[in-house]
């Protein structure tokens, strides 16, 4: 009997604790406007500084060959190949009716794939049955935009030899989102068959931009650093050249586009302007805005991120 009473007390204590956590979490959400997990993620991010920028610029690390990190499992086998000297990861679609997602990762053009990129791609491959093509494109500080663009265009042309354009979706986050938009503008200018859809997550569309008025809310991005990195990526190109700042490019004739952004990231204003410019050019474009969320929030391990990834999965399907 004593054992049963003790178990009941323990069970009651656990129930009370769980209820308290739920109530506190709901209260936090109502007061802050974000989930507790989103708050924790946003404040665990390390904002870049000019000091870290200088350190990155001085690095001579070879980034041309990487591996998928332990703990990430794709539903179908991942193979690797090279386009020129560019490493490419590919996981096949479930069947010929499923799309191929060409994913261009972010990282300010000098950081490789991170764990959240791999997890998101594996998740979409599982939930949608789509194929994944993930290029490890040439990055700073060994290469610039003029080195990366031809290889990415070559990769896309090779994909068109294997898949109809209607099956290809190009997606990207941050720098990768800007890169995706710039590539698609380049394809249209060269009369190359365009992908069926663009999915751009917090795209860096103007390397000279970033809203200083939002800097206090952005716990990750630093406008001063970004403008230096953007100039490095452009190198001898003008920083307003659409190859590096696709906001200044021609939006007419682009495929249906999804733009995801949080209101507390310095790119928010530029992304809204991009939406307006696309809309004015007749593009079928949708703007997905999440209040008080930061840069690339759809990749965050929080309820808001999970909801956005589910929405992206529905777009892929």
Protein backbone atom coordinates (compact mmCIF):
# COMPACT_ATOMS: atom_id res chain seq x y z
CA UNK A 1 0.00 0.00 0.00
CA UNK A 2 2.80 2.40 0.89
CA UNK A 3 4.44 1.70 -2.46
CA UNK A 4 1.18 2.47 -4.31
CA UNK A 5 0.73 5.71 -2.38
CA UNK A 6 4.29 6.72 -3.15
CA UNK A 7 3.79 5.98 -6.85
CA UNK A 8 0.58 8.03 -6.87
CA UNK A 9 2.39 10.95 -5.26
CA UNK A 10 5.21 10.71 -7.78
CA UNK A 11 2.74 10.51 -10.67
CA UNK A 12 0.82 13.51 -9.32
CA UNK A 13 4.08 15.46 -8.94
CA UNK A 14 5.04 14.69 -12.54
CA UNK A 15 1.60 15.75 -13.79
CA UNK A 16 1.77 18.99 -11.80
CA UNK A 17 5.28 19.67 -13.13
CA UNK A 18 4.23 19.06 -16.74
CA UNK A 19 1.17 21.26 -16.31
CA UNK A 20 3.33 24.01 -14.79
CA UNK A 21 5.78 23.84 -17.70
CA UNK A 22 2.89 24.03 -20.20
CA UNK A 23 1.30 26.97 -18.39
CA UNK A 24 4.60 28.84 -18.11
CA UNK A 25 5.36 28.15 -21.77
CA UNK A 26 1.95 29.37 -22.89
CA UNK A 27 2.30 32.44 -20.71
CA UNK A 28 5.73 33.17 -22.14
CA UNK A 29 4.37 32.75 -25.67
CA UNK A 30 1.50 35.18 -24.95
CA UNK A 31 3.81 37.78 -23.39
CA UNK A 32 6.83 37.50 -25.71
CA UNK A 33 5.02 36.50 -28.91
CA UNK A 34 7.43 33.62 -29.50
CA UNK A 35 7.81 30.10 -28.22
CA UNK A 36 10.33 29.61 -25.39
CA UNK A 37 12.41 27.50 -27.80
CA UNK A 38 12.54 30.34 -30.33
CA UNK A 39 13.61 32.77 -27.61
CA UNK A 40 16.39 30.41 -26.53
CA UNK A 41 17.60 29.84 -30.10
CA UNK A 42 17.64 33.55 -30.92
CA UNK A 43 19.72 34.33 -27.84
CA UNK A 44 22.11 31.41 -28.32
CA UNK A 45 23.25 32.70 -31.71
CA UNK A 46 26.60 34.45 -31.87
CA UNK A 47 26.48 37.79 -33.65
CA UNK A 48 29.36 38.30 -36.05
CA UNK A 49 31.87 41.06 -35.31
CA UNK A 50 34.58 42.83 -37.28
CA UNK A 51 37.09 40.83 -35.27
CA UNK A 52 35.58 37.49 -36.34
CA UNK A 53 35.31 38.86 -39.89
CA UNK A 54 39.06 39.56 -39.92
CA UNK A 55 39.75 36.06 -38.60
CA UNK A 56 37.55 34.46 -41.26
CA UNK A 57 39.22 36.48 -43.99
CA UNK A 58 42.65 35.32 -42.86
CA UNK A 59 41.61 31.63 -42.87
CA UNK A 60 43.10 29.41 -45.56
CA UNK A 61 40.98 26.34 -44.81
CA UNK A 62 40.16 24.10 -47.77
CA UNK A 63 36.36 23.95 -47.93
CA UNK A 64 36.10 22.01 -51.17
CA UNK A 65 35.46 18.62 -49.55
CA UNK A 66 33.10 18.03 -46.64
CA UNK A 67 31.02 15.17 -45.25
CA UNK A 68 27.45 14.87 -44.02
CA UNK A 69 27.63 15.08 -40.22
CA UNK A 70 26.88 12.13 -37.97
CA UNK A 71 23.30 12.08 -36.77
CA UNK A 72 21.77 13.04 -40.12
CA UNK A 73 20.09 10.27 -42.07
CA UNK A 74 18.48 10.64 -45.48
CA UNK A 75 15.66 8.25 -46.44
CA UNK A 76 17.51 7.28 -49.63
CA UNK A 77 21.19 6.84 -50.38
CA UNK A 78 23.30 9.97 -50.85
CA UNK A 79 25.99 9.91 -53.51
CA UNK A 80 28.73 12.41 -54.26
CA UNK A 81 30.19 13.67 -57.53
CA UNK A 82 32.02 16.68 -58.90
CA UNK A 83 31.02 19.37 -61.35
CA UNK A 84 34.41 20.75 -62.24
CA UNK A 85 36.05 21.00 -58.82
CA UNK A 86 32.71 21.55 -57.04
CA UNK A 87 31.52 18.78 -54.73
CA UNK A 88 27.83 17.86 -55.08
CA UNK A 89 25.69 15.67 -52.82
CA UNK A 90 22.62 13.99 -54.31
CA UNK A 91 19.85 11.84 -52.92
CA UNK A 92 17.34 10.46 -55.47
CA UNK A 93 13.64 11.18 -55.49
CA UNK A 94 11.26 8.51 -54.26
CA UNK A 95 9.96 8.08 -57.81
CA UNK A 96 9.77 9.94 -61.13
CA UNK A 97 6.69 11.89 -60.05
CA UNK A 98 8.53 13.64 -57.21
CA UNK A 99 10.41 16.95 -57.59
CA UNK A 100 14.14 17.53 -57.37
CA UNK A 101 15.14 20.15 -54.80
CA UNK A 102 18.35 21.98 -55.65
CA UNK A 103 19.30 23.47 -52.29
CA UNK A 104 21.85 26.30 -52.05
CA UNK A 105 23.02 26.76 -48.49
CA UNK A 106 23.61 30.04 -46.69
CA UNK A 107 26.52 31.13 -44.55
CA UNK A 108 27.52 34.56 -45.90
CA UNK A 109 29.38 32.89 -48.78
CA UNK A 110 32.18 31.72 -46.47
CA UNK A 111 30.56 29.13 -44.17
CA UNK A 112 29.72 25.60 -45.24
CA UNK A 113 26.54 23.62 -44.61
CA UNK A 114 25.61 23.48 -40.95
CA UNK A 115 23.64 20.82 -39.07
CA UNK A 116 20.31 22.62 -39.54
CA UNK A 117 20.77 22.65 -43.33
CA UNK A 118 21.35 18.89 -43.41
CA UNK A 119 18.47 18.17 -41.04
CA UNK A 120 16.04 20.29 -43.06
CA UNK A 121 17.04 18.66 -46.36
CA UNK A 122 16.74 15.16 -44.86
CA UNK A 123 13.35 16.07 -43.39
CA UNK A 124 12.01 17.32 -46.74
CA UNK A 125 13.38 14.26 -48.54
CA UNK A 126 11.48 12.10 -46.03
CA UNK A 127 8.19 14.03 -45.89
CA UNK A 128 7.85 14.85 -49.59
CA UNK A 129 9.77 12.09 -51.36
CA UNK A 130 11.72 14.73 -53.25
CA UNK A 131 15.26 14.29 -54.51
CA UNK A 132 17.95 16.53 -53.02
CA UNK A 133 20.88 18.10 -54.86
CA UNK A 134 23.19 20.02 -52.53
CA UNK A 135 26.26 21.68 -54.07
CA UNK A 136 29.26 22.62 -51.96
CA UNK A 137 29.85 25.68 -54.12
CA UNK A 138 33.16 27.62 -54.14
CA UNK A 139 33.27 30.11 -51.27
CA UNK A 140 35.25 32.91 -49.75
CA UNK A 141 38.07 33.38 -49.09
CA UNK A 142 39.52 31.30 -51.88
CA UNK A 143 36.83 32.08 -54.44
CA UNK A 144 34.30 34.79 -55.35
CA UNK A 145 30.98 35.07 -57.15
CA UNK A 146 32.68 34.96 -60.57
CA UNK A 147 34.14 31.55 -59.69
CA UNK A 148 30.96 30.06 -58.21
CA UNK A 149 28.34 31.15 -60.75
CA UNK A 150 29.70 29.27 -63.81
CA UNK A 151 29.92 26.00 -61.86
CA UNK A 152 26.39 26.39 -60.51
CA UNK A 153 25.10 27.11 -64.01
CA UNK A 154 26.94 24.02 -65.26
CA UNK A 155 25.33 21.93 -62.52
CA UNK A 156 21.87 23.21 -63.43
CA UNK A 157 22.42 22.46 -67.13
CA UNK A 158 23.47 18.93 -66.20
CA UNK A 159 20.32 18.51 -64.12
CA UNK A 160 18.25 19.60 -67.13
CA UNK A 161 19.81 16.74 -69.11
CA UNK A 162 18.36 14.31 -66.56
CA UNK A 163 15.15 15.99 -65.38
CA UNK A 164 12.56 18.26 -66.99
CA UNK A 165 12.62 21.79 -65.61
CA UNK A 166 9.08 21.33 -64.29
CA UNK A 167 10.45 18.82 -61.75
CA UNK A 168 13.21 21.11 -60.47
CA UNK A 169 12.74 23.46 -57.52
CA UNK A 170 15.54 25.76 -56.41
CA UNK A 171 15.64 26.71 -52.75
CA UNK A 172 18.16 28.49 -50.59
CA UNK A 173 18.62 30.35 -47.34
CA UNK A 174 20.38 33.64 -46.62
CA UNK A 175 23.34 33.95 -49.03
CA UNK A 176 22.09 30.78 -50.73
CA UNK A 177 18.69 32.40 -51.23
CA UNK A 178 20.28 35.41 -52.89
CA UNK A 179 22.45 33.08 -54.98
CA UNK A 180 19.34 31.12 -56.06
CA UNK A 181 17.58 34.28 -57.21
CA UNK A 182 20.66 35.56 -59.05
CA UNK A 183 21.12 32.22 -60.83
CA UNK A 184 17.49 32.13 -61.93
CA UNK A 185 17.74 35.67 -63.32
CA UNK A 186 20.86 34.53 -65.20
CA UNK A 187 19.04 31.47 -66.56
CA UNK A 188 16.18 33.58 -67.83
CA UNK A 189 18.59 36.02 -69.51
CA UNK A 190 20.29 33.05 -71.23
CA UNK A 191 16.92 31.55 -72.29
CA UNK A 192 17.51 28.41 -70.21
CA UNK A 193 14.43 26.50 -69.01
CA UNK A 194 13.57 27.81 -65.56
CA UNK A 195 12.82 25.75 -62.45
CA UNK A 196 9.17 25.27 -61.53
CA UNK A 197 9.50 27.17 -58.24
CA UNK A 198 11.83 29.25 -56.08
CA UNK A 199 11.79 28.95 -52.29
CA UNK A 200 13.90 31.69 -50.71
CA UNK A 201 14.45 31.66 -46.94
CA UNK A 202 15.65 35.02 -45.59
CA UNK A 203 17.48 35.66 -48.87
CA UNK A 204 20.43 38.07 -48.94
CA UNK A 205 19.27 40.00 -51.99
CA UNK A 206 21.37 43.17 -51.62
CA UNK A 207 24.94 42.90 -50.33
CA UNK A 208 24.96 46.68 -49.81
CA UNK A 209 21.72 46.58 -47.81
CA UNK A 210 20.45 45.49 -44.43
CA UNK A 211 18.16 47.70 -42.37
CA UNK A 212 20.13 49.44 -39.61
CA UNK A 213 16.86 50.23 -37.83
CA UNK A 214 16.38 46.49 -37.25
CA UNK A 215 19.92 45.84 -36.04
CA UNK A 216 18.97 45.99 -32.34
CA UNK A 217 16.48 43.14 -32.84
CA UNK A 218 18.75 40.89 -34.92
CA UNK A 219 20.72 38.68 -32.53
CA UNK A 220 22.79 37.14 -35.32
CA UNK A 221 23.53 39.34 -38.32
CA UNK A 222 25.78 42.41 -38.24
CA UNK A 223 25.22 44.89 -41.07
CA UNK A 224 28.76 46.28 -40.93
CA UNK A 225 30.26 42.82 -41.31
CA UNK A 226 27.79 41.84 -44.04
CA UNK A 227 28.68 44.83 -46.19
CA UNK A 228 32.36 43.95 -46.00
CA UNK A 229 31.68 40.29 -46.82
CA UNK A 230 29.36 41.30 -49.67
CA UNK A 231 32.10 43.45 -51.18
CA UNK A 232 34.53 40.53 -50.86
CA UNK A 233 32.11 38.19 -52.64
CA UNK A 234 31.59 40.73 -55.41
CA UNK A 235 35.38 41.29 -55.72
CA UNK A 236 35.90 43.19 -59.00
CA UNK A 237 32.16 43.27 -59.71
CA UNK A 238 30.05 46.22 -58.66
CA UNK A 239 28.20 45.37 -55.43
CA UNK A 240 24.97 46.41 -57.19
CA UNK A 241 25.56 43.88 -59.98
CA UNK A 242 22.59 41.44 -59.99
CA UNK A 243 25.01 38.50 -59.85
CA UNK A 244 25.73 39.44 -56.22
CA UNK A 245 22.71 41.65 -55.44
CA UNK A 246 19.76 40.17 -57.36
CA UNK A 247 17.42 42.80 -55.95
CA UNK A 248 18.75 45.05 -58.72
CA UNK A 249 18.11 42.44 -61.40
CA UNK A 250 15.17 42.00 -63.76
CA UNK A 251 12.33 40.16 -62.03
CA UNK A 252 10.15 39.69 -65.09
CA UNK A 253 9.48 36.15 -66.19
CA UNK A 254 10.67 34.50 -62.99
CA UNK A 255 8.93 31.31 -61.77
CA UNK A 256 6.52 31.24 -58.82
CA UNK A 257 8.44 32.33 -55.74
CA UNK A 258 8.04 31.93 -51.99
CA UNK A 259 9.80 34.43 -49.71
CA UNK A 260 10.20 33.61 -46.00
CA UNK A 261 11.33 36.24 -43.50
CA UNK A 262 11.11 37.23 -39.86
CA UNK A 263 10.41 40.79 -38.81
CA UNK A 264 13.43 40.82 -36.50
CA UNK A 265 16.15 40.26 -39.08
CA UNK A 266 18.07 43.03 -40.82
CA UNK A 267 17.12 41.58 -44.24
CA UNK A 268 13.40 42.00 -43.58
CA UNK A 269 13.05 45.38 -45.31
CA UNK A 270 15.04 44.28 -48.39
CA UNK A 271 12.96 41.10 -48.67
CA UNK A 272 9.70 43.03 -48.53
CA UNK A 273 11.03 45.38 -51.22
CA UNK A 274 11.96 42.34 -53.31
CA UNK A 275 8.43 41.01 -52.91
CA UNK A 276 7.02 44.36 -54.07
CA UNK A 277 9.36 44.46 -57.06
CA UNK A 278 8.48 40.90 -58.05
CA UNK A 279 4.78 41.58 -57.69
CA UNK A 280 5.07 44.68 -59.87
CA UNK A 281 6.90 42.58 -62.50
CA UNK A 282 4.02 40.09 -62.62
CA UNK A 283 5.72 37.26 -60.75
CA UNK A 284 3.49 34.82 -58.87
CA UNK A 285 5.11 35.54 -55.50
CA UNK A 286 4.05 34.98 -51.90
CA UNK A 287 5.53 36.60 -48.82
CA UNK A 288 5.61 34.55 -45.61
CA UNK A 289 6.27 36.78 -42.60
CA UNK A 290 6.68 35.67 -39.00
CA UNK A 291 6.54 38.35 -36.33
CA UNK A 292 9.51 38.70 -33.96
CA UNK A 293 11.40 35.86 -35.64
CA UNK A 294 15.01 36.16 -36.74
CA UNK A 295 17.21 35.21 -39.65
CA UNK A 296 16.43 31.85 -41.37
CA UNK A 297 13.93 30.97 -38.64
CA UNK A 298 12.43 28.11 -40.75
CA UNK A 299 15.63 26.17 -40.02
CA UNK A 300 15.44 26.74 -36.25
CA UNK A 301 14.63 23.84 -33.87
CA UNK A 302 11.47 25.45 -32.49
CA UNK A 303 7.70 25.26 -33.15
CA UNK A 304 7.80 28.25 -35.51
CA UNK A 305 10.58 26.64 -37.52
CA UNK A 306 8.77 23.30 -37.62
CA UNK A 307 5.62 25.01 -38.88
CA UNK A 308 7.57 26.81 -41.62
CA UNK A 309 9.34 23.61 -42.72
CA UNK A 310 5.97 21.89 -42.95
CA UNK A 311 4.71 24.77 -45.10
CA UNK A 312 7.78 24.45 -47.33
CA UNK A 313 7.15 20.70 -47.61
CA UNK A 314 3.63 21.45 -48.84
CA UNK A 315 5.07 23.82 -51.46
CA UNK A 316 7.55 21.16 -52.61
CA UNK A 317 4.70 18.67 -52.98
